[in-house]
Protein backbone atom coordinates (compact mmCIF):
# COMPACT_ATOMS: atom_id res chain seq x y z
CA UNK A 1 0.05 -0.01 0.10
CA UNK A 2 1.30 3.43 -0.80
CA UNK A 3 0.02 6.90 0.19
CA UNK A 4 1.04 10.06 -1.45
CA UNK A 5 0.62 13.55 -0.07
CA UNK A 6 2.20 15.58 -2.76
CA UNK A 7 0.37 18.25 -4.63
CA UNK A 8 -0.96 17.86 -8.26
CA UNK A 9 -3.19 19.70 -10.57
CA UNK A 10 -4.64 16.38 -12.14
CA UNK A 11 -7.23 14.11 -10.81
CA UNK A 12 -6.49 12.72 -7.46
CA UNK A 13 -7.21 9.07 -7.10
CA UNK A 14 -7.60 6.21 -4.71
CA UNK A 15 -6.84 2.82 -6.34
CA UNK A 16 -8.54 0.09 -4.26
CA UNK A 17 -9.22 -3.64 -4.39
CA UNK A 18 -8.34 -7.05 -2.85
CA UNK A 19 -5.09 -8.57 -4.07
CA UNK A 20 -6.06 -12.02 -3.20
CA UNK A 21 -9.11 -11.95 -5.63
CA UNK A 22 -8.64 -13.16 -9.23
CA UNK A 23 -7.16 -10.56 -11.56
CA UNK A 24 -7.25 -7.65 -9.17
CA UNK A 25 -3.38 -7.28 -8.71
CA UNK A 26 -2.79 -7.72 -12.41
CA UNK A 27 -5.45 -5.19 -13.38
CA UNK A 28 -4.13 -2.60 -10.53
CA UNK A 29 -0.70 -2.90 -12.03
CA UNK A 30 -1.97 -2.20 -15.56
CA UNK A 31 -4.11 0.68 -14.39
CA UNK A 32 -1.15 2.23 -12.64
CA UNK A 33 0.77 1.93 -15.79
CA UNK A 34 -1.95 3.38 -18.02
CA UNK A 35 -2.47 6.35 -15.59
CA UNK A 36 1.10 7.28 -15.91
CA UNK A 37 1.75 10.94 -14.73
CA UNK A 38 -1.65 12.28 -15.85
CA UNK A 39 -2.96 12.02 -12.20
CA UNK A 40 -2.08 11.70 -8.63
CA UNK A 41 -2.54 8.38 -6.97
CA UNK A 42 -3.22 9.41 -3.35
CA UNK A 43 -3.61 5.85 -2.19
CA UNK A 44 -2.90 2.49 -3.79
CA UNK A 45 -4.20 -0.18 -1.47
CA UNK A 46 -4.80 -3.81 -2.39
CA UNK A 47 -4.64 -5.05 1.18
CA UNK A 48 -7.65 -3.15 2.54
CA UNK A 49 -5.75 -2.05 5.51
CA UNK A 50 -5.63 1.65 5.07
CA UNK A 51 -7.83 3.99 6.95
CA UNK A 52 -8.73 6.50 4.19
CA UNK A 53 -10.94 8.88 6.15
CA UNK A 54 -7.88 11.06 6.79
CA UNK A 55 -7.02 11.30 3.13
CA UNK A 56 -8.84 13.24 0.34
CA UNK A 57 -9.29 12.37 -3.36
CA UNK A 58 -11.45 13.24 -6.30
CA UNK A 59 -12.28 9.65 -7.27
CA UNK A 60 -11.78 6.10 -5.97
CA UNK A 61 -11.29 3.34 -8.70
CA UNK A 62 -12.31 0.01 -7.09
CA UNK A 63 -11.29 -3.18 -8.72
CA UNK A 64 -13.23 -6.24 -7.89
CA UNK A 65 -17.01 -7.10 -7.16
CA UNK A 66 -19.64 -5.41 -5.12
CA UNK A 67 -18.04 -6.75 -1.88
CA UNK A 68 -14.90 -4.66 -2.82
CA UNK A 69 -17.17 -1.54 -3.01
CA UNK A 70 -18.60 -2.26 0.36
CA UNK A 71 -15.02 -2.55 1.85
CA UNK A 72 -14.09 0.63 0.10
CA UNK A 73 -17.01 2.48 1.55
CA UNK A 74 -16.07 1.32 5.02
CA UNK A 75 -12.35 2.27 4.48
CA UNK A 76 -13.34 5.82 3.68
CA UNK A 77 -15.54 5.94 6.66
CA UNK A 78 -17.03 9.45 7.21
CA UNK A 79 -15.04 11.01 4.34
CA UNK A 80 -16.62 9.31 1.27
CA UNK A 81 -15.39 10.22 -2.04
CA UNK A 82 -16.94 9.11 -5.49
CA UNK A 83 -16.45 5.49 -6.43
CA UNK A 84 -16.08 4.15 -9.98
CA UNK A 85 -16.34 0.41 -9.74
CA UNK A 86 -14.55 -1.97 -12.21
CA UNK A 87 -16.15 -5.45 -12.30
CA UNK A 88 -13.66 -8.38 -11.90
CA UNK A 89 -16.24 -10.41 -9.88
CA UNK A 90 -19.46 -12.21 -10.88
CA UNK A 91 -22.61 -10.12 -10.85
CA UNK A 92 -21.14 -6.67 -10.31
CA UNK A 93 -24.25 -4.47 -9.75
CA UNK A 94 -22.36 -1.63 -8.42
CA UNK A 95 -19.17 -2.38 -10.39
CA UNK A 96 -20.78 -2.34 -13.82
CA UNK A 97 -17.75 -1.13 -15.77
CA UNK A 98 -15.72 -3.80 -17.55
CA UNK A 99 -11.78 -3.54 -17.46
CA UNK A 100 -11.82 -2.95 -21.30
CA UNK A 101 -14.25 -0.13 -21.05
CA UNK A 102 -12.36 1.46 -18.19
CA UNK A 103 -9.31 1.76 -20.47
CA UNK A 104 -11.22 2.89 -23.59
CA UNK A 105 -12.88 5.66 -21.49
CA UNK A 106 -10.03 6.67 -19.32
CA UNK A 107 -9.65 10.02 -21.10
CA UNK A 108 -13.15 10.75 -19.99
CA UNK A 109 -12.49 9.81 -16.39
CA UNK A 110 -9.35 11.95 -16.33
CA UNK A 111 -11.24 14.87 -17.55
CA UNK A 112 -13.95 14.31 -14.88
CA UNK A 113 -16.55 13.54 -17.49
CA UNK A 114 -18.82 11.51 -15.21
CA UNK A 115 -21.83 12.25 -13.01
CA UNK A 116 -22.05 11.34 -9.23
CA UNK A 117 -25.21 9.91 -7.64
CA UNK A 118 -25.28 9.92 -3.89
CA UNK A 119 -26.86 7.10 -1.95
CA UNK A 120 -28.17 6.46 1.55
CA UNK A 121 -25.85 4.94 4.18
CA UNK A 122 -26.74 3.97 7.80
CA UNK A 123 -25.18 3.90 11.29
CA UNK A 124 -25.94 0.81 13.47
CA UNK A 125 -25.66 1.28 17.24
CA UNK A 126 -25.66 -1.68 19.55
CA UNK A 127 -26.78 -1.11 23.04
CA UNK A 128 -25.87 -4.12 25.24
CA UNK A 129 -27.47 -5.17 28.56
CA UNK A 130 -23.78 -5.70 29.65
CA UNK A 131 -20.79 -3.69 28.35
CA UNK A 132 -20.15 -0.73 26.12
CA UNK A 133 -22.10 -0.34 22.85
CA UNK A 134 -20.62 -0.43 19.32
CA UNK A 135 -21.35 1.68 16.20
CA UNK A 136 -21.01 0.45 12.51
CA UNK A 137 -21.27 2.39 9.37
CA UNK A 138 -22.86 0.55 6.45
CA UNK A 139 -24.13 0.83 2.90
CA UNK A 140 -26.12 -2.38 2.05
CA UNK A 141 -28.01 -4.02 4.90
CA UNK A 142 -28.18 -5.07 8.63
CA UNK A 143 -29.12 -8.75 9.18
CA UNK A 144 -30.07 -10.18 12.56
CA UNK A 145 -30.34 -13.98 12.69
CA UNK A 146 -29.69 -17.05 14.82
CA UNK A 147 -25.92 -17.79 15.23
CA UNK A 148 -26.66 -21.40 14.02
CA UNK A 149 -29.12 -22.88 11.45
CA UNK A 150 -32.53 -24.22 12.14
CA UNK A 151 -33.27 -21.68 15.08
CA UNK A 152 -36.03 -19.25 15.16
CA UNK A 153 -35.13 -15.48 16.01
CA UNK A 154 -37.77 -13.31 17.71
CA UNK A 155 -37.32 -9.74 17.22
CA UNK A 156 -39.36 -6.76 18.15
CA UNK A 157 -39.29 -3.82 15.62
CA UNK A 158 -40.06 -0.06 16.80
CA UNK A 159 -39.91 2.85 14.55
CA UNK A 160 -39.38 6.23 16.20
CA UNK A 161 -40.04 4.66 19.63
CA UNK A 162 -43.39 3.14 18.66
CA UNK A 163 -43.77 -0.71 18.44
CA UNK A 164 -44.62 -1.78 15.07
CA UNK A 165 -44.56 -5.69 15.30
CA UNK A 166 -42.76 -8.67 16.61
CA UNK A 167 -41.20 -11.16 14.24
CA UNK A 168 -40.70 -14.89 14.58
CA UNK A 169 -38.52 -15.77 11.70
CA UNK A 170 -35.01 -17.05 10.51
CA UNK A 171 -33.73 -13.54 10.44
CA UNK A 172 -34.66 -9.96 9.82
CA UNK A 173 -33.12 -7.67 7.31
CA UNK A 174 -32.99 -3.81 7.15
CA UNK A 175 -31.79 -2.66 3.65
CA UNK A 176 -31.01 0.50 2.03
CA UNK A 177 -31.97 0.98 -1.73
CA UNK A 178 -28.46 0.05 -2.71
CA UNK A 179 -28.76 -3.07 -0.60
CA UNK A 180 -32.31 -3.88 -1.78
CA UNK A 181 -31.00 -5.65 -4.84
CA UNK A 182 -28.69 -7.93 -2.84
CA UNK A 183 -29.39 -10.42 -0.09
CA UNK A 184 -32.72 -8.51 0.56
CA UNK A 185 -33.98 -9.21 -2.87
CA UNK A 186 -33.05 -12.95 -2.44
CA UNK A 187 -35.19 -12.93 0.76
CA UNK A 188 -38.24 -11.49 -1.08
CA UNK A 189 -37.70 -7.95 -0.36
CA UNK A 190 -38.79 -5.09 -2.69
CA UNK A 191 -36.41 -3.48 -5.04
CA UNK A 192 -35.95 0.31 -4.44
CA UNK A 193 -34.44 2.88 -6.80
CA UNK A 194 -31.07 3.55 -5.57
CA UNK A 195 -31.56 7.23 -5.06
CA UNK A 196 -34.45 6.92 -2.72
CA UNK A 197 -34.14 7.79 0.99
CA UNK A 198 -35.90 4.86 2.55
CA UNK A 199 -35.28 1.55 4.24
CA UNK A 200 -36.96 -1.84 3.70
CA UNK A 201 -37.52 -4.18 6.45
CA UNK A 202 -37.72 -7.91 5.34
CA UNK A 203 -38.24 -10.98 7.45
CA UNK A 204 -36.63 -14.01 6.36
CA UNK A 205 -38.75 -17.17 6.37
CA UNK A 206 -41.36 -15.71 8.71
CA UNK A 207 -43.44 -17.99 10.91
CA UNK A 208 -46.67 -16.13 10.34
CA UNK A 209 -48.70 -15.54 6.98
CA UNK A 210 -49.11 -11.81 7.75
CA UNK A 211 -45.38 -10.94 7.83
CA UNK A 212 -44.50 -8.93 4.70
CA UNK A 213 -41.73 -6.50 3.75
CA UNK A 214 -42.22 -3.07 4.91
CA UNK A 215 -40.81 0.23 3.48
CA UNK A 216 -40.48 3.44 5.48
CA UNK A 217 -38.66 6.75 5.47
CA UNK A 218 -34.88 6.99 6.10
CA UNK A 219 -35.69 10.05 8.34
CA UNK A 220 -36.84 7.53 11.07
CA UNK A 221 -35.02 5.55 13.69
CA UNK A 222 -35.53 1.70 13.48
CA UNK A 223 -35.02 -0.20 16.70
CA UNK A 224 -34.65 -4.07 16.94
CA UNK A 225 -34.71 -5.87 20.26
CA UNK A 226 -33.71 -9.49 20.59
CA UNK A 227 -36.22 -11.39 22.61
CA UNK A 228 -35.68 -15.14 22.72
CA UNK A 229 -31.93 -16.01 22.57
CA UNK A 230 -28.39 -14.96 21.53
CA UNK A 231 -28.26 -13.81 17.93
CA UNK A 232 -25.82 -12.62 15.36
CA UNK A 233 -25.55 -9.11 13.89
CA UNK A 234 -24.11 -8.91 10.35
CA UNK A 235 -23.51 -5.52 8.62
CA UNK A 236 -23.04 -5.56 4.85
CA UNK A 237 -22.15 -9.27 4.98
CA UNK A 238 -18.64 -8.49 6.28
CA UNK A 239 -18.81 -7.28 9.91
CA UNK A 240 -20.16 -9.63 12.62
CA UNK A 241 -21.15 -9.03 16.19
CA UNK A 242 -22.61 -11.49 18.63
CA UNK A 243 -25.85 -10.27 20.41
CA UNK A 244 -27.31 -11.30 23.63
CA UNK A 245 -31.01 -11.56 24.68
CA UNK A 246 -32.63 -7.99 25.10
CA UNK A 247 -29.71 -6.25 23.36
CA UNK A 248 -31.03 -3.26 21.24
CA UNK A 249 -29.96 -2.45 17.75
CA UNK A 250 -30.77 1.01 16.47
CA UNK A 251 -30.45 1.92 12.73
CA UNK A 252 -30.67 5.45 11.45
CA UNK A 253 -29.51 7.50 8.44
CA UNK A 254 -25.72 8.20 8.47
CA UNK A 255 -24.38 11.83 8.26
CA UNK A 256 -22.52 10.78 5.14
CA UNK A 257 -23.73 9.40 1.74
CA UNK A 258 -22.10 6.96 -0.54
CA UNK A 259 -21.07 8.66 -3.83
CA UNK A 260 -21.25 6.41 -7.00
CA UNK A 261 -19.56 7.82 -10.14
CA UNK A 262 -21.28 6.91 -13.50
CA UNK A 263 -20.25 7.33 -17.09
CA UNK A 264 -22.52 8.37 -19.87
CA UNK A 265 -24.47 5.26 -21.12
CA UNK A 266 -24.66 3.65 -17.55
CA UNK A 267 -27.75 3.96 -15.53
CA UNK A 268 -29.69 2.26 -12.76
CA UNK A 269 -32.43 0.64 -14.93
CA UNK A 270 -29.88 -0.33 -17.58
CA UNK A 271 -27.99 -2.27 -14.96
CA UNK A 272 -31.20 -3.88 -13.61
CA UNK A 273 -32.01 -5.18 -17.23
CA UNK A 274 -28.51 -6.44 -17.76
CA UNK A 275 -27.60 -7.82 -14.40
CA UNK A 276 -30.90 -9.08 -12.99
CA UNK A 277 -32.92 -9.91 -16.03
CA UNK A 278 -35.56 -7.15 -15.72
CA UNK A 279 -36.46 -7.52 -19.38
CA UNK A 280 -40.27 -7.49 -19.15
CA UNK A 281 -40.74 -10.44 -21.50
CA UNK A 282 -39.33 -13.84 -21.92
CA UNK A 283 -36.43 -14.20 -24.43
CA UNK A 284 -37.38 -17.24 -26.61
CA UNK A 285 -35.29 -16.39 -29.51
CA UNK A 286 -31.44 -16.63 -29.63
CA UNK A 287 -31.66 -13.42 -31.73
CA UNK A 288 -32.00 -10.68 -28.95
CA UNK A 289 -32.21 -8.00 -31.44
CA UNK A 290 -35.30 -9.42 -33.12
CA UNK A 291 -38.64 -7.30 -32.76
CA UNK A 292 -40.72 -9.48 -34.83
CA UNK A 293 -44.24 -10.38 -33.52
CA UNK A 294 -43.42 -14.03 -34.43
CA UNK A 295 -40.67 -14.04 -32.03
C-alpha cells in the first residue's frame, strides 16, 4: 500500500481492491501504468488495511466485485469520495464497468466527465445489557439472525419509539436502496430505486402468514430488540457481532452518503436489465435484437 501527499493539478485517485481476488493485482498494476503521470494516486491499497478517512481524493477506482465496493466505503468512513467500480467479480451490480471499457474511457474519467449519484448510508448502534455499545457504518443491509441454522429468531421492531410488530423468523433484514438488490432481494424484499431515501424491512422465512416486507422513510429511527436467544448481527455481509437476549440495535441515516460515479451510457435501470434480467418479457429467440411479432 502506498499513500502520497504531494500536490498535483490532475485528478487525485484512490486505487483500491483485494489482491487475493482473481485478476485484481494484475489489473491494478496495468491501471497504474496506464494512468502514468496524468493524475495523482493518493492511495494504492490492495490489502484493504488503510484508514482512508484522513485522506482526500477526487475519485476512488475500485477493482473487484460489489464486496470490494462495500469494503472501500467502510475504509473511507465518514469522508466518502465518489467511487467508480470496475467489475472483476461475478454479478457486479455496483461495479458495472468492464476493464476494457475502463481503459477505453480513461480519457473521459481523467477529464472528470462522469456524474455522481449519492446514496443512503446507515449507522448501526448496538446497546448491550452488559458492556459498552458499538457503532458500525454501512451501505447495504443489517441482518439479525440466529448464530446457527434451524433456529427461530424473535425480534421486536419499533420505529421512532413506537412498537410496530414482533417477528418470529429465521432472520430480519433492514436494507438501503443500494442493498435492496442484494441479499434482501433474495429474501423476497422489494427493489428500491437507489437514489431513494428509504429503508426496507424484510423478514426471512417468517413463521406467520401476515409478515410482509415494509418500506419506510430514512428519516426515522429503527430499533430492533432481541427477545428469545443470543443472535448474530451482520453488517454488509462483512462485519459480525454476537448479540445477547434483550440487546438493542438502532439503525438510522448516516451523516454521510455513498457517492457512485457513473459514465454516460450507464444507468440504474440499464443495470437492472443487464444484471438481474429485468427484461419484461421472456427471451425465446437466440436473436436478442429481433423485434418480430413472431418471436
